Amino acid sequence: MKMNDRQVTALKPEEKRRMVCVDDGLGLYVEIMTSGAKYWRMRYRKGKKEEKLTLGEYPILSLADAREMCTDVRRKLTLNSGTQARDILNPPVTAAFGELAEQWYTQNAAKWSKTHATDVRHKLDAYLMPQLGDMPITSVTVQDLIRTFKPMILADKLPSMDKARIIAGQVFRFALALGEVTHNVALDLQGLLPSSRTKRHFPSLTAPSDVARLMRAIKAYQGTIVVRVALLFSAYTFQRPGEIRRAEWLEFDFIEKLWRIPEEKMKARRKHLVPLSRQVLELLDNLKPHTGHGKYLFPAMRERT
């Protein structure tokens, strides 16, 4: 039976009973404690089980407000059966994008090279944090991400935009692992943004005769011995230019015939072993008188003495 404010105000506890419950309808009722305090509560069913939820104390929570709250809870429970009624009244605090980005950065920065860590920090501070930093990560949408990247697109900074997009995706992936989100929104950007990556077919030597011609040309090179050895060393070891440029004499084990590249120099951050062939060992023997007194196999011209 529906009540009015006068009736609710007039309700009193009974001496012989610990508490009194008076229904207002639709599962809403007021419970009068023996102390005289009155609380609005509601009954609802979760599967086959009846549950109870406290809405608030009367008269802080008025009759009209209690009815509205009860109706709102029932509506949300109907729309999403997996929702907990208590979460409707007290939604769990959602971490901001910036907070999670900082946690992700702190957790991973020590594993990265200084160059990469600096680049990630710049992308966060210059592009992502100003737009997304204070937003609850659960409220960040595809449209928010597009608005974040649009200034970079207009400024023709597509490589920076690509990196910022990847970083945003990694932050969402981190949030997904923590249970802060249920979906990586950055994945929905596929096909919606221009890319700085254009397909290019790099020239390569596939015929044995072409490879032989290249090797003859390198051996006939009339420049410095350091450059000639570096070219041959690259052809024999198949390592990246950056790894060759930073190769140090201390990394070479001439007894085991191995080049031990430390993990911090490798892109995959794993130690790498390169077997040294007879040809490579001969090259290094020829190179030692020229650069063996220094740190690097192939130092820059200004570093040589």
Protein backbone atom coordinates (compact mmCIF):
# COMPACT_ATOMS: atom_id res chain seq x y z
CA MET A 1 0.00 0.00 0.00
CA LYS A 2 1.34 3.42 -0.98
CA MET A 3 2.26 5.71 1.89
CA ASN A 4 2.62 9.48 2.22
CA ASP A 5 5.20 11.51 4.14
CA ARG A 6 2.82 12.08 7.09
CA GLN A 7 2.35 8.32 7.51
CA VAL A 8 6.08 7.62 7.31
CA THR A 9 6.79 10.33 9.90
CA ALA A 10 4.16 8.87 12.24
CA LEU A 11 5.59 5.33 12.18
CA LYS A 12 6.88 4.21 15.59
CA PRO A 13 8.75 1.11 16.79
CA GLU A 14 6.78 -1.53 18.68
CA GLU A 15 7.89 -2.57 22.16
CA LYS A 16 7.46 -6.31 21.69
CA ARG A 17 9.18 -6.49 18.31
CA ARG A 18 12.77 -5.70 17.40
CA MET A 19 11.77 -3.82 14.26
CA VAL A 20 8.78 -2.99 12.10
CA CYS A 21 8.64 -3.15 8.30
CA VAL A 22 6.01 -1.21 6.34
CA ASP A 23 5.70 -1.75 2.57
CA ASP A 24 5.26 1.09 0.09
CA GLY A 25 4.94 -1.17 -2.97
CA LEU A 26 7.24 -2.41 -5.77
CA GLY A 27 9.54 -3.94 -3.18
CA LEU A 28 10.20 -0.66 -1.37
CA TYR A 29 9.65 -0.66 2.39
CA VAL A 30 10.64 1.32 5.45
CA GLU A 31 12.16 -0.47 8.41
CA ILE A 32 11.70 1.11 11.86
CA MET A 33 14.41 0.13 14.31
CA THR A 34 13.76 -0.13 18.07
CA SER A 35 15.78 3.07 18.44
CA GLY A 36 13.25 4.88 16.24
CA ALA A 37 15.61 5.21 13.25
CA LYS A 38 13.93 4.55 9.88
CA TYR A 39 15.69 3.06 6.86
CA TRP A 40 14.49 2.67 3.30
CA ARG A 41 15.19 -0.78 1.92
CA MET A 42 14.09 -2.65 -1.19
CA ARG A 43 13.53 -6.28 -2.05
CA TYR A 44 14.48 -7.68 -5.44
CA ARG A 45 15.12 -11.09 -6.92
CA LYS A 46 18.45 -12.29 -8.25
CA GLY A 47 17.64 -15.51 -10.04
CA LYS A 48 15.51 -17.51 -7.61
CA LYS A 49 16.90 -15.80 -4.55
CA GLU A 50 15.42 -12.74 -2.86
CA GLU A 51 17.93 -10.02 -2.03
CA LYS A 52 17.65 -6.87 0.06
CA LEU A 53 19.31 -3.50 -0.49
CA THR A 54 19.51 -0.51 1.86
CA LEU A 55 18.80 2.76 0.07
CA GLY A 56 19.20 5.30 2.87
CA GLU A 57 17.85 6.74 6.12
CA TYR A 58 14.58 8.67 6.45
CA PRO A 59 14.11 11.67 6.48
CA ILE A 60 17.57 12.32 4.93
CA LEU A 61 16.25 10.27 2.02
CA SER A 62 12.68 11.39 1.43
CA LEU A 63 9.83 9.13 0.38
CA ALA A 64 9.86 10.57 -3.15
CA ASP A 65 13.63 10.10 -3.47
CA ALA A 66 13.43 6.55 -2.11
CA ARG A 67 10.74 5.66 -4.69
CA GLU A 68 12.82 7.20 -7.51
CA MET A 69 15.95 5.37 -6.36
CA CYS A 70 14.09 2.06 -6.11
CA THR A 71 12.69 2.47 -9.62
CA ASP A 72 16.13 3.38 -11.01
CA VAL A 73 17.78 0.35 -9.42
CA ARG A 74 15.09 -1.98 -10.76
CA ARG A 75 15.41 -0.48 -14.26
CA LYS A 76 19.20 -0.92 -14.32
CA LEU A 77 18.97 -4.45 -12.96
CA THR A 78 16.49 -5.29 -15.73
CA LEU A 79 18.69 -3.78 -18.46
CA ASN A 80 21.83 -5.53 -17.19
CA SER A 81 21.14 -8.67 -15.22
CA GLY A 82 24.85 -9.06 -14.44
CA THR A 83 25.00 -5.78 -12.55
CA GLN A 84 25.24 -5.85 -8.78
CA ALA A 85 22.60 -3.68 -7.07
CA ARG A 86 25.17 -2.32 -4.62
CA ASP A 87 27.36 -1.20 -7.54
CA ILE A 88 24.42 0.83 -8.88
CA LEU A 89 24.18 2.83 -5.65
CA ASN A 90 27.94 2.99 -5.11
CA PRO A 91 29.67 2.65 -8.49
CA PRO A 92 33.23 1.32 -8.16
CA VAL A 93 35.83 4.06 -8.54
CA THR A 94 37.29 3.97 -12.04
CA ALA A 95 40.95 4.83 -12.52
CA ALA A 96 41.79 7.66 -14.89
CA PHE A 97 43.63 6.99 -18.14
CA GLY A 98 46.55 9.08 -16.89
CA GLU A 99 46.83 7.15 -13.64
CA LEU A 100 47.00 3.82 -15.44
CA ALA A 101 49.37 5.22 -18.06
CA GLU A 102 51.77 6.26 -15.31
CA GLN A 103 51.55 2.82 -13.67
CA TRP A 104 52.21 1.14 -17.03
CA TYR A 105 55.16 3.44 -17.78
CA THR A 106 56.75 2.98 -14.33
CA GLN A 107 56.40 -0.79 -14.56
CA ASN A 108 58.06 -1.02 -17.98
CA ALA A 109 60.49 1.89 -18.30
CA ALA A 110 63.32 0.02 -16.56
CA LYS A 111 63.14 -2.70 -19.22
CA TRP A 112 63.45 -0.25 -22.12
CA SER A 113 66.45 1.51 -23.56
CA LYS A 114 66.88 5.13 -22.47
CA THR A 115 66.00 6.29 -25.98
CA HIS A 116 62.75 4.35 -26.09
CA ALA A 117 61.76 5.36 -22.55
CA THR A 118 62.35 9.03 -23.42
CA ASP A 119 60.30 8.71 -26.60
CA VAL A 120 57.37 7.05 -24.78
CA ARG A 121 57.49 9.72 -22.06
CA HIS A 122 57.34 12.44 -24.72
CA LYS A 123 54.37 10.87 -26.49
CA LEU A 124 52.49 10.55 -23.20
CA ASP A 125 53.19 14.11 -22.05
CA ALA A 126 52.82 15.88 -25.39
CA TYR A 127 49.90 14.05 -26.96
CA LEU A 128 47.99 11.60 -24.75
CA MET A 129 47.90 13.09 -21.25
CA PRO A 130 46.56 16.57 -22.20
CA GLN A 131 43.47 15.04 -23.82
CA LEU A 132 42.93 11.76 -21.97
CA GLY A 133 44.84 12.04 -18.69
CA ASP A 134 41.93 13.03 -16.43
CA MET A 135 39.28 10.87 -18.14
CA PRO A 136 38.08 7.67 -16.42
CA ILE A 137 39.52 4.99 -18.65
CA THR A 138 36.13 3.28 -18.93
CA SER A 139 34.68 6.43 -20.50
CA VAL A 140 37.35 6.83 -23.21
CA THR A 141 35.75 6.18 -26.60
CA VAL A 142 37.02 5.75 -30.14
CA GLN A 143 35.89 9.31 -30.83
CA ASP A 144 38.02 10.56 -27.92
CA LEU A 145 41.06 8.81 -29.36
CA ILE A 146 40.43 10.21 -32.84
CA ARG A 147 40.16 13.73 -31.38
CA THR A 148 43.45 13.13 -29.56
CA PHE A 149 45.29 12.08 -32.71
CA LYS A 150 43.69 14.61 -35.09
CA PRO A 151 46.18 17.47 -34.33
CA MET A 152 49.07 15.14 -35.24
CA ILE A 153 47.33 14.19 -38.49
CA LEU A 154 46.75 17.84 -39.41
CA ALA A 155 50.39 18.68 -38.57
CA ASP A 156 51.53 15.77 -40.79
CA LYS A 157 53.17 14.03 -37.84
CA LEU A 158 52.02 10.56 -38.84
CA PRO A 159 55.01 8.66 -37.39
CA SER A 160 54.38 10.32 -34.01
CA MET A 161 50.68 9.55 -34.31
CA ASP A 162 51.44 5.89 -35.02
CA LYS A 163 53.62 5.65 -31.92
CA ALA A 164 51.07 7.48 -29.75
CA ARG A 165 48.34 5.13 -30.98
CA ILE A 166 50.46 2.08 -30.10
CA ILE A 167 51.17 3.51 -26.64
CA ALA A 168 47.46 4.17 -26.04
CA GLY A 169 46.72 0.57 -27.02
CA GLN A 170 49.35 -0.72 -24.60
CA VAL A 171 47.86 1.36 -21.76
CA PHE A 172 44.43 -0.13 -22.51
CA ARG A 173 45.97 -3.60 -22.65
CA PHE A 174 47.50 -2.96 -19.20
CA ALA A 175 44.12 -1.75 -17.90
CA LEU A 176 42.47 -4.87 -19.34
CA ALA A 177 44.90 -7.09 -17.42
CA LEU A 178 44.07 -5.21 -14.21
CA GLY A 179 40.33 -5.61 -14.78
CA GLU A 180 39.76 -1.85 -15.16
CA VAL A 181 38.23 -2.26 -18.62
CA THR A 182 36.62 -5.11 -20.52
CA HIS A 183 37.73 -4.04 -24.01
CA ASN A 184 40.76 -2.43 -25.61
CA VAL A 185 39.12 0.56 -27.33
CA ALA A 186 42.31 1.36 -29.26
CA LEU A 187 41.76 -1.80 -31.33
CA ASP A 188 38.63 -0.21 -32.77
CA LEU A 189 40.79 2.44 -34.49
CA GLN A 190 41.83 0.00 -37.18
CA GLY A 191 41.15 1.54 -40.58
CA LEU A 192 40.03 4.88 -39.12
CA LEU A 193 43.41 6.65 -39.06
CA PRO A 194 46.01 7.27 -41.77
CA SER A 195 49.24 5.37 -41.36
CA SER A 196 52.82 6.47 -41.82
CA ARG A 197 53.72 2.96 -42.88
CA THR A 198 53.63 2.67 -46.65
CA LYS A 199 54.48 -0.64 -48.26
CA ARG A 200 57.86 -0.52 -49.91
CA HIS A 201 59.71 -3.29 -51.65
CA PHE A 202 63.36 -2.94 -50.74
CA PRO A 203 65.83 -4.05 -53.41
CA SER A 204 67.53 -7.32 -52.62
CA LEU A 205 70.01 -9.67 -54.20
CA THR A 206 68.49 -13.08 -54.86
CA ALA A 207 70.66 -14.49 -57.61
CA PRO A 208 73.99 -16.10 -56.55
CA SER A 209 75.77 -14.27 -59.37
CA ASP A 210 74.57 -10.90 -57.99
CA VAL A 211 75.80 -11.78 -54.50
CA ALA A 212 79.18 -12.81 -55.87
CA ARG A 213 79.43 -9.53 -57.78
CA LEU A 214 78.64 -7.57 -54.58
CA MET A 215 81.30 -9.42 -52.58
CA ARG A 216 83.90 -8.79 -55.29
CA ALA A 217 82.99 -5.10 -55.29
CA ILE A 218 83.38 -4.86 -51.51
CA LYS A 219 86.76 -6.61 -51.58
CA ALA A 220 87.91 -4.27 -54.33
CA TYR A 221 86.87 -1.21 -52.34
CA GLN A 222 89.75 1.29 -52.28
CA GLY A 223 88.70 3.24 -49.17
CA THR A 224 89.84 2.70 -45.60
CA ILE A 225 90.34 -0.82 -44.30
CA VAL A 226 87.90 -0.13 -41.44
CA VAL A 227 85.05 0.61 -43.86
CA ARG A 228 85.92 -2.37 -46.07
CA VAL A 229 86.03 -4.75 -43.09
CA ALA A 230 82.73 -3.34 -41.79
CA LEU A 231 81.04 -4.06 -45.14
CA LEU A 232 82.38 -7.61 -45.26
CA PHE A 233 81.62 -8.15 -41.56
CA SER A 234 77.99 -7.15 -42.22
CA ALA A 235 77.71 -9.54 -45.17
CA TYR A 236 79.15 -12.47 -43.19
CA THR A 237 77.25 -11.98 -39.91
CA PHE A 238 73.81 -10.75 -41.15
CA GLN A 239 73.39 -8.43 -38.14
CA ARG A 240 71.58 -5.09 -38.02
CA PRO A 241 73.60 -1.95 -38.83
CA GLY A 242 73.08 -0.57 -35.30
CA GLU A 243 74.47 -3.71 -33.69
CA ILE A 244 77.48 -3.68 -35.99
CA ARG A 245 78.11 0.02 -35.43
CA ARG A 246 78.13 -0.49 -31.65
CA ALA A 247 80.08 -3.79 -31.65
CA GLU A 248 82.78 -3.80 -28.94
CA TRP A 249 85.97 -5.83 -28.82
CA LEU A 250 85.11 -7.11 -25.33
CA GLU A 251 82.01 -8.83 -26.76
CA PHE A 252 84.11 -11.20 -28.91
CA ASP A 253 85.19 -14.60 -27.60
CA PHE A 254 87.96 -15.75 -29.96
CA ILE A 255 88.36 -19.08 -28.15
CA GLU A 256 84.69 -20.06 -28.41
CA LYS A 257 84.44 -18.20 -31.74
CA LEU A 258 81.35 -16.27 -30.63
CA TRP A 259 80.14 -12.69 -30.67
CA ARG A 260 78.07 -12.21 -27.51
CA ILE A 261 75.73 -9.26 -28.05
CA PRO A 262 74.31 -8.10 -24.68
CA GLU A 263 70.55 -7.88 -24.27
CA GLU A 264 70.48 -4.08 -23.90
CA LYS A 265 71.75 -3.75 -27.47
CA MET A 266 69.18 -6.10 -28.95
CA LYS A 267 65.77 -4.97 -30.16
CA ALA A 268 64.11 -7.98 -28.50
CA ARG A 269 66.05 -7.33 -25.25
CA ARG A 270 67.51 -10.85 -25.27
CA LYS A 271 71.19 -11.79 -25.31
CA HIS A 272 72.25 -12.88 -28.78
CA LEU A 273 75.08 -15.21 -29.83
CA VAL A 274 76.61 -14.91 -33.30
CA PRO A 275 78.95 -17.73 -34.43
CA LEU A 276 82.17 -16.40 -35.99
CA SER A 277 83.14 -18.06 -39.25
CA ARG A 278 86.71 -18.48 -40.44
CA GLN A 279 86.26 -15.51 -42.78
CA VAL A 280 85.03 -13.27 -39.95
CA LEU A 281 87.94 -14.26 -37.68
CA GLU A 282 90.38 -13.37 -40.47
CA LEU A 283 88.66 -10.00 -40.89
CA LEU A 284 88.97 -9.26 -37.16
CA ASP A 285 92.67 -10.22 -37.18
CA ASN A 286 93.23 -7.71 -39.98
CA LEU A 287 91.16 -5.06 -38.17
CA LYS A 288 92.83 -5.34 -34.74
CA PRO A 289 95.96 -3.32 -35.56
CA HIS A 290 93.73 -0.43 -36.65
CA THR A 291 91.00 -0.27 -33.94
CA GLY A 292 91.91 -2.99 -31.42
CA HIS A 293 93.34 -0.45 -28.98
CA GLY A 294 89.91 1.19 -28.57
CA LYS A 295 86.42 0.17 -27.45
CA TYR A 296 84.61 -0.29 -30.75
CA LEU A 297 85.41 -2.40 -33.78
CA PHE A 298 84.24 0.36 -36.07
CA PRO A 299 84.63 3.70 -34.29
CA ALA A 300 83.66 6.99 -35.87
CA MET A 301 86.44 8.81 -37.67
CA ARG A 302 86.78 11.44 -34.93
CA GLU A 303 87.24 8.70 -32.30
CA ARG A 304 90.22 7.09 -34.03
CA THR A 305 93.77 8.00 -33.15
